[in-house]
Amino acid sequence: MSEDNYLNFVGFQCLEHLNHNSIDLYLSTCGIQNCFGGHFFGPGKRDVYILHFISEGKGVFTCGEQTWQLGKGDVFLVKPDTEVYYAADEKNPWSYLWVGFHGLKAASYLSYAGFEGDVLVGKCRDTSLIFTYIQQMIMNRQLTYANELKRQSALLQIFASIIEEYRATLSKDRRYDYPYKIYVEQAVKYIQGNFRKNVRIQDIAMDIGIDRSYLSGIFKEVMKMSPQEYLLHYRVEQAEILLKETDRKIGDIAELVGYADAMTFSKMFKKYKGISPQQYREEQYR
C-alpha cells in the first residue's frame, strides 16, 4: 500500500482509501486522533459509514435537528451522504478512534449494535479494546491479501464487541439474535444427542449461549413440557425401540438410555407407559 494512504502526525494516525475485495463489509478508513480545542468537521457529508469512539474529553455532535453533548465512552455514527457537524470542546477536547466502512451488510451489522433508524449515538465501555483493533489495522497497512484479511478481521472484531455490549443491555426476550423457536430446536437436538448423559438445563443453556430461565420459558411454550420432562420422554421412547427391536437385557437398556440402574429405569418407564419394561416387551410378542 502506498504511504499516501497512511498519515501520521503528532496526535493523529489515519489509514484511508483502502483497497478491498469484499462487498458485504469492507474497511475504507480508520484512525486515532487527539483533537485540539474547537477542532470540527462540517457541516458536511461523508461517503461511508463512520463510527467514532470517544476515549477522552468531550464534544458536540449534530445531525439534522438533533444535537448531542458527548464524552468518554460515547460512540457516534456518521451515515453516508448525511450532513453532520461535530466539534471538540474548547476546554476539554475529545480524543477519538474511528472506523469508516461500507458494504451490503453494513447497515445490518449496525442495527445489531443498536444503530438503526434515527439512533446515531451509543456506548462503548472499553475503548482500549477498539484502540487495539485499530492499531492492528494500521500495523497491517501494506498492500497484501493477508493484510486485507487481517484488517477485515479487526473490523469484524470491533462489530462483535459493540454488538455484544449492546445486546447485554436488552431485556431477556430481546437480548438474543434468533427467533426463540430456533433456540428450542437447538435444545431438542442437544437433548437427543446427549440423553445418555446426566443432562442439566444449565448445560443446555450454556451450550446454546442463552440464559437458563429464558430457555426454560420458551421450551415449555413450544414443547408444552419442561426440558427435563422432554428428556425423560425421549429416554422412554428410545427404550421402547430397544425393547422392540433387540433382545438386550433390561439392565443394559437402562444404561443405554441414561440410567445407572435397572430399578430406577423400570420405575420411570412404568410411570410413562403404565407397565414395566419386561411387560412391554412381552406384549410385543403376543
Protein backbone atom coordinates (compact mmCIF):
# COMPACT_ATOMS: atom_id res chain seq x y z
CA MET A 1 0.00 0.00 0.00
CA SER A 2 1.30 3.44 -0.86
CA GLU A 3 2.42 5.60 2.05
CA ASP A 4 -0.01 8.18 0.61
CA ASN A 5 -2.73 6.10 2.24
CA TYR A 6 -1.14 6.41 5.67
CA LEU A 7 -0.95 9.70 7.57
CA ASN A 8 0.96 10.00 10.82
CA PHE A 9 1.29 13.30 12.68
CA VAL A 10 1.52 14.17 16.35
CA GLY A 11 -1.77 13.02 17.90
CA PHE A 12 -3.09 11.75 14.58
CA GLN A 13 -2.85 8.45 12.69
CA CYS A 14 -5.02 7.54 9.72
CA LEU A 15 -5.43 4.93 7.01
CA GLU A 16 -7.62 5.93 4.08
CA HIS A 17 -8.57 4.97 0.50
CA LEU A 18 -8.11 1.29 1.31
CA ASN A 19 -8.37 -1.39 -1.36
CA HIS A 20 -10.89 -4.16 -0.76
CA ASN A 21 -12.25 -7.35 -2.31
CA SER A 22 -15.23 -7.90 -0.01
CA ILE A 23 -18.65 -6.47 -0.88
CA ASP A 24 -20.53 -7.49 2.29
CA LEU A 25 -18.48 -5.33 4.67
CA TYR A 26 -15.21 -3.56 3.99
CA LEU A 27 -12.94 -1.09 5.71
CA SER A 28 -12.46 2.28 3.98
CA THR A 29 -10.61 4.27 6.60
CA CYS A 30 -9.60 4.18 10.24
CA GLY A 31 -7.70 6.36 12.63
CA ILE A 32 -6.81 7.72 16.04
CA GLN A 33 -6.94 11.43 16.84
CA ASN A 34 -6.32 13.68 19.83
CA CYS A 35 -8.24 16.80 18.83
CA PHE A 36 -7.30 20.34 19.79
CA GLY A 37 -9.91 22.63 21.37
CA GLY A 38 -12.60 23.65 18.89
CA HIS A 39 -11.49 21.20 16.17
CA PHE A 40 -14.53 20.49 13.99
CA PHE A 41 -15.91 18.84 10.89
CA GLY A 42 -18.78 20.25 8.84
CA PRO A 43 -21.42 20.95 8.24
CA GLY A 44 -20.58 18.32 5.66
CA LYS A 45 -21.12 14.76 4.43
CA ARG A 46 -19.10 11.56 4.32
CA ASP A 47 -19.35 8.90 1.61
CA VAL A 48 -19.09 5.92 4.01
CA TYR A 49 -20.33 4.97 7.47
CA ILE A 50 -18.00 6.20 10.22
CA LEU A 51 -18.15 5.16 13.86
CA HIS A 52 -16.33 7.45 16.32
CA PHE A 53 -15.37 6.05 19.73
CA ILE A 54 -14.62 8.80 22.27
CA SER A 55 -11.77 7.76 24.55
CA GLU A 56 -11.22 11.08 26.41
CA GLY A 57 -12.68 14.58 26.70
CA LYS A 58 -15.95 15.81 25.29
CA GLY A 59 -17.57 17.50 22.31
CA VAL A 60 -20.77 18.06 20.37
CA PHE A 61 -22.38 16.11 17.52
CA THR A 62 -25.24 17.43 15.39
CA CYS A 63 -27.29 15.66 12.74
CA GLY A 64 -30.44 17.27 11.38
CA GLU A 65 -32.48 18.72 14.23
CA GLN A 66 -30.70 16.72 16.94
CA THR A 67 -27.63 17.71 18.93
CA TRP A 68 -25.80 15.54 21.47
CA GLN A 69 -23.27 16.56 24.11
CA LEU A 70 -20.91 13.59 24.18
CA GLY A 71 -17.98 12.40 26.27
CA LYS A 72 -15.76 9.48 27.17
CA GLY A 73 -17.37 6.13 26.44
CA ASP A 74 -19.85 7.51 23.90
CA VAL A 75 -19.98 6.40 20.27
CA PHE A 76 -21.50 8.37 17.41
CA LEU A 77 -22.30 7.30 13.88
CA VAL A 78 -21.98 9.33 10.71
CA LYS A 79 -24.03 7.87 7.88
CA PRO A 80 -23.13 8.19 4.20
CA ASP A 81 -24.44 11.27 2.38
CA THR A 82 -25.91 12.69 5.60
CA GLU A 83 -25.00 16.21 6.65
CA VAL A 84 -23.44 16.38 10.10
CA TYR A 85 -21.39 18.68 12.28
CA TYR A 86 -19.16 17.68 15.16
CA ALA A 87 -16.66 19.63 17.21
CA ALA A 88 -14.32 19.13 20.14
CA ASP A 89 -14.92 21.06 23.34
CA GLU A 90 -12.77 24.19 23.67
CA LYS A 91 -11.53 23.43 27.19
CA ASN A 92 -11.65 19.64 27.31
CA PRO A 93 -11.35 18.48 23.68
CA TRP A 94 -12.14 14.91 22.88
CA SER A 95 -9.84 12.20 21.62
CA TYR A 96 -11.48 9.56 19.48
CA LEU A 97 -10.91 6.47 17.40
CA TRP A 98 -12.78 5.93 14.17
CA VAL A 99 -13.53 3.29 11.57
CA GLY A 100 -15.05 4.07 8.20
CA PHE A 101 -16.68 1.22 6.31
CA HIS A 102 -19.33 0.27 3.78
CA GLY A 103 -20.83 -2.84 2.20
CA LEU A 104 -24.09 -4.67 1.63
CA LYS A 105 -24.29 -5.82 5.25
CA ALA A 106 -23.02 -2.65 6.91
CA ALA A 107 -26.50 -1.38 7.83
CA SER A 108 -27.49 -4.81 9.23
CA TYR A 109 -24.39 -5.04 11.43
CA LEU A 110 -25.04 -1.53 12.70
CA SER A 111 -28.64 -2.40 13.55
CA TYR A 112 -27.44 -5.43 15.56
CA ALA A 113 -25.36 -2.95 17.59
CA GLY A 114 -28.36 -0.67 18.21
CA PHE A 115 -27.70 1.85 15.43
CA GLU A 116 -30.93 1.62 13.48
CA GLY A 117 -33.44 4.19 12.30
CA ASP A 118 -32.60 7.56 13.84
CA VAL A 119 -30.31 6.12 16.51
CA LEU A 120 -26.86 7.63 15.96
CA VAL A 121 -25.36 7.54 19.47
CA GLY A 122 -24.40 4.56 21.61
CA LYS A 123 -21.99 3.40 24.31
CA CYS A 124 -18.65 1.62 24.41
CA ARG A 125 -17.25 0.96 27.87
CA ASP A 126 -13.88 -0.38 26.73
CA THR A 127 -12.39 1.90 24.08
CA SER A 128 -8.96 0.38 24.81
CA LEU A 129 -10.14 -2.75 23.00
CA ILE A 130 -11.21 -0.70 19.98
CA PHE A 131 -7.83 1.05 20.10
CA THR A 132 -6.10 -2.34 19.89
CA TYR A 133 -8.11 -3.36 16.82
CA ILE A 134 -7.45 -0.06 15.04
CA GLN A 135 -3.76 -0.34 15.83
CA GLN A 136 -3.83 -3.78 14.20
CA MET A 137 -5.42 -2.24 11.10
CA ILE A 138 -2.73 0.43 10.91
CA MET A 139 0.11 -2.03 11.52
CA ASN A 140 -1.15 -4.25 8.71
CA ARG A 141 -1.41 -1.47 6.15
CA GLN A 142 0.86 -2.92 3.45
CA LEU A 143 -0.88 -3.99 0.26
CA THR A 144 -1.22 -7.77 0.60
CA TYR A 145 -4.21 -10.10 0.61
CA ALA A 146 -3.16 -11.38 4.04
CA ASN A 147 -3.15 -7.85 5.45
CA GLU A 148 -6.53 -7.10 3.93
CA LEU A 149 -7.91 -10.13 5.73
CA LYS A 150 -6.25 -9.01 8.98
CA ARG A 151 -7.87 -5.57 8.67
CA GLN A 152 -11.20 -7.20 7.84
CA SER A 153 -10.84 -9.44 10.88
CA ALA A 154 -10.15 -6.43 13.13
CA LEU A 155 -13.24 -4.65 11.74
CA LEU A 156 -15.39 -7.70 12.47
CA GLN A 157 -13.93 -7.88 15.97
CA ILE A 158 -14.99 -4.28 16.55
CA PHE A 159 -18.52 -5.12 15.45
CA ALA A 160 -18.58 -8.25 17.59
CA SER A 161 -17.53 -6.17 20.61
CA ILE A 162 -20.13 -3.42 20.24
CA ILE A 163 -22.91 -5.86 19.28
CA GLU A 164 -22.19 -7.98 22.35
CA GLU A 165 -22.17 -4.92 24.61
CA TYR A 166 -25.43 -3.62 23.17
CA ARG A 167 -27.25 -6.96 23.35
CA ALA A 168 -26.30 -7.28 27.02
CA THR A 169 -28.29 -4.12 27.78
CA LEU A 170 -31.54 -5.51 26.37
CA SER A 171 -34.27 -7.31 28.28
CA LYS A 172 -34.03 -11.11 28.12
CA ASP A 173 -36.73 -11.50 25.46
CA ARG A 174 -34.90 -9.05 23.15
CA ARG A 175 -31.31 -9.92 24.01
CA TYR A 176 -30.95 -12.87 21.68
CA ASP A 177 -30.42 -12.60 17.96
CA TYR A 178 -32.50 -15.52 16.66
CA PRO A 179 -36.26 -16.30 16.88
CA TYR A 180 -36.92 -18.21 20.10
CA LYS A 181 -38.04 -21.34 18.25
CA ILE A 182 -34.53 -21.70 16.84
CA TYR A 183 -33.16 -21.95 20.39
CA VAL A 184 -35.77 -24.56 21.28
CA GLU A 185 -34.80 -26.59 18.21
CA GLN A 186 -31.16 -26.44 19.29
CA ALA A 187 -32.12 -27.51 22.83
CA VAL A 188 -34.04 -30.51 21.45
CA LYS A 189 -31.03 -31.50 19.32
CA TYR A 190 -28.77 -31.20 22.35
CA ILE A 191 -31.03 -33.46 24.45
CA GLN A 192 -31.34 -36.03 21.69
CA GLY A 193 -27.58 -36.11 21.25
CA ASN A 194 -26.79 -36.32 24.97
CA PHE A 195 -29.74 -38.17 26.52
CA ARG A 196 -27.47 -40.97 27.79
CA LYS A 197 -25.61 -38.43 29.95
CA ASN A 198 -26.61 -36.54 33.08
CA VAL A 199 -28.19 -33.64 31.16
CA ARG A 200 -28.87 -30.46 33.14
CA ILE A 201 -30.75 -27.44 31.86
CA GLN A 202 -27.78 -25.17 32.64
CA ASP A 203 -25.63 -27.37 30.38
CA ILE A 204 -28.11 -26.97 27.53
CA ALA A 205 -28.39 -23.21 28.04
CA MET A 206 -24.61 -22.81 28.18
CA ASP A 207 -24.12 -24.85 25.02
CA ILE A 208 -26.64 -22.72 23.11
CA GLY A 209 -25.50 -19.45 24.67
CA ILE A 210 -28.69 -18.23 26.34
CA ASP A 211 -29.99 -17.68 29.85
CA ARG A 212 -31.25 -20.74 31.75
CA SER A 213 -34.57 -19.20 32.81
CA TYR A 214 -35.19 -17.87 29.30
CA LEU A 215 -34.60 -21.34 27.86
CA SER A 216 -36.99 -22.92 30.38
CA GLY A 217 -39.75 -20.48 29.47
CA ILE A 218 -39.51 -20.74 25.69
CA PHE A 219 -39.02 -24.52 25.77
CA LYS A 220 -42.20 -25.00 27.77
CA GLU A 221 -44.10 -22.63 25.50
CA VAL A 222 -43.11 -24.52 22.35
CA MET A 223 -42.90 -28.12 23.57
CA LYS A 224 -45.62 -27.93 26.24
CA MET A 225 -43.25 -29.53 28.75
CA SER A 226 -40.02 -28.65 30.50
CA PRO A 227 -36.61 -29.68 29.11
CA GLN A 228 -36.29 -32.25 31.91
CA GLU A 229 -39.68 -33.74 31.07
CA TYR A 230 -38.73 -33.90 27.41
CA LEU A 231 -35.51 -35.71 28.35
CA LEU A 232 -37.46 -38.35 30.29
CA HIS A 233 -39.97 -38.78 27.44
CA TYR A 234 -37.17 -39.16 24.93
CA ARG A 235 -35.38 -41.75 27.07
CA VAL A 236 -38.57 -43.81 27.29
CA GLU A 237 -39.06 -43.56 23.51
CA GLN A 238 -35.53 -44.84 22.93
CA ALA A 239 -36.08 -47.62 25.45
CA GLU A 240 -39.25 -48.70 23.60
CA ILE A 241 -37.24 -49.05 20.39
CA LEU A 242 -34.62 -51.18 22.10
CA LEU A 243 -37.23 -53.36 23.82
CA LYS A 244 -38.97 -53.95 20.50
CA GLU A 245 -36.01 -54.43 18.22
CA THR A 246 -33.34 -56.07 20.39
CA ASP A 247 -33.07 -58.84 22.94
CA ARG A 248 -30.79 -56.88 25.24
CA LYS A 249 -31.23 -57.29 28.98
CA ILE A 250 -33.30 -54.70 30.82
CA GLY A 251 -30.23 -53.55 32.77
CA ASP A 252 -28.29 -52.99 29.55
CA ILE A 253 -31.15 -50.99 28.05
CA ALA A 254 -31.37 -48.91 31.21
CA GLU A 255 -27.71 -47.98 30.85
CA LEU A 256 -28.07 -47.26 27.13
CA VAL A 257 -30.82 -44.71 27.76
CA GLY A 258 -29.10 -42.91 30.61
CA TYR A 259 -29.98 -44.76 33.84
CA ALA A 260 -27.37 -46.08 36.24
CA ASP A 261 -29.54 -48.95 37.46
CA ALA A 262 -32.41 -51.04 36.15
CA MET A 263 -34.73 -50.32 39.08
CA THR A 264 -34.78 -46.54 38.52
CA PHE A 265 -35.28 -47.11 34.80
CA SER A 266 -38.16 -49.53 35.39
CA LYS A 267 -39.92 -47.09 37.71
CA MET A 268 -39.62 -44.27 35.18
CA PHE A 269 -40.72 -46.45 32.29
CA LYS A 270 -43.81 -47.63 34.22
CA LYS A 271 -44.64 -44.04 35.15
CA TYR A 272 -44.88 -43.09 31.47
CA LYS A 273 -46.14 -46.33 29.91
CA GLY A 274 -48.21 -47.82 32.73
CA ILE A 275 -46.39 -51.15 32.59
CA SER A 276 -42.87 -52.39 33.33
CA PRO A 277 -40.22 -52.73 30.61
CA GLN A 278 -40.49 -56.52 30.81
CA GLN A 279 -44.29 -56.43 30.41
CA TYR A 280 -43.91 -54.03 27.49
CA ARG A 281 -41.52 -56.41 25.76
CA GLU A 282 -43.78 -59.41 26.33
CA GLU A 283 -46.73 -57.54 24.83
CA GLN A 284 -44.75 -57.01 21.62
CA TYR A 285 -44.60 -60.80 21.07
CA ARG A 286 -48.26 -61.62 21.64
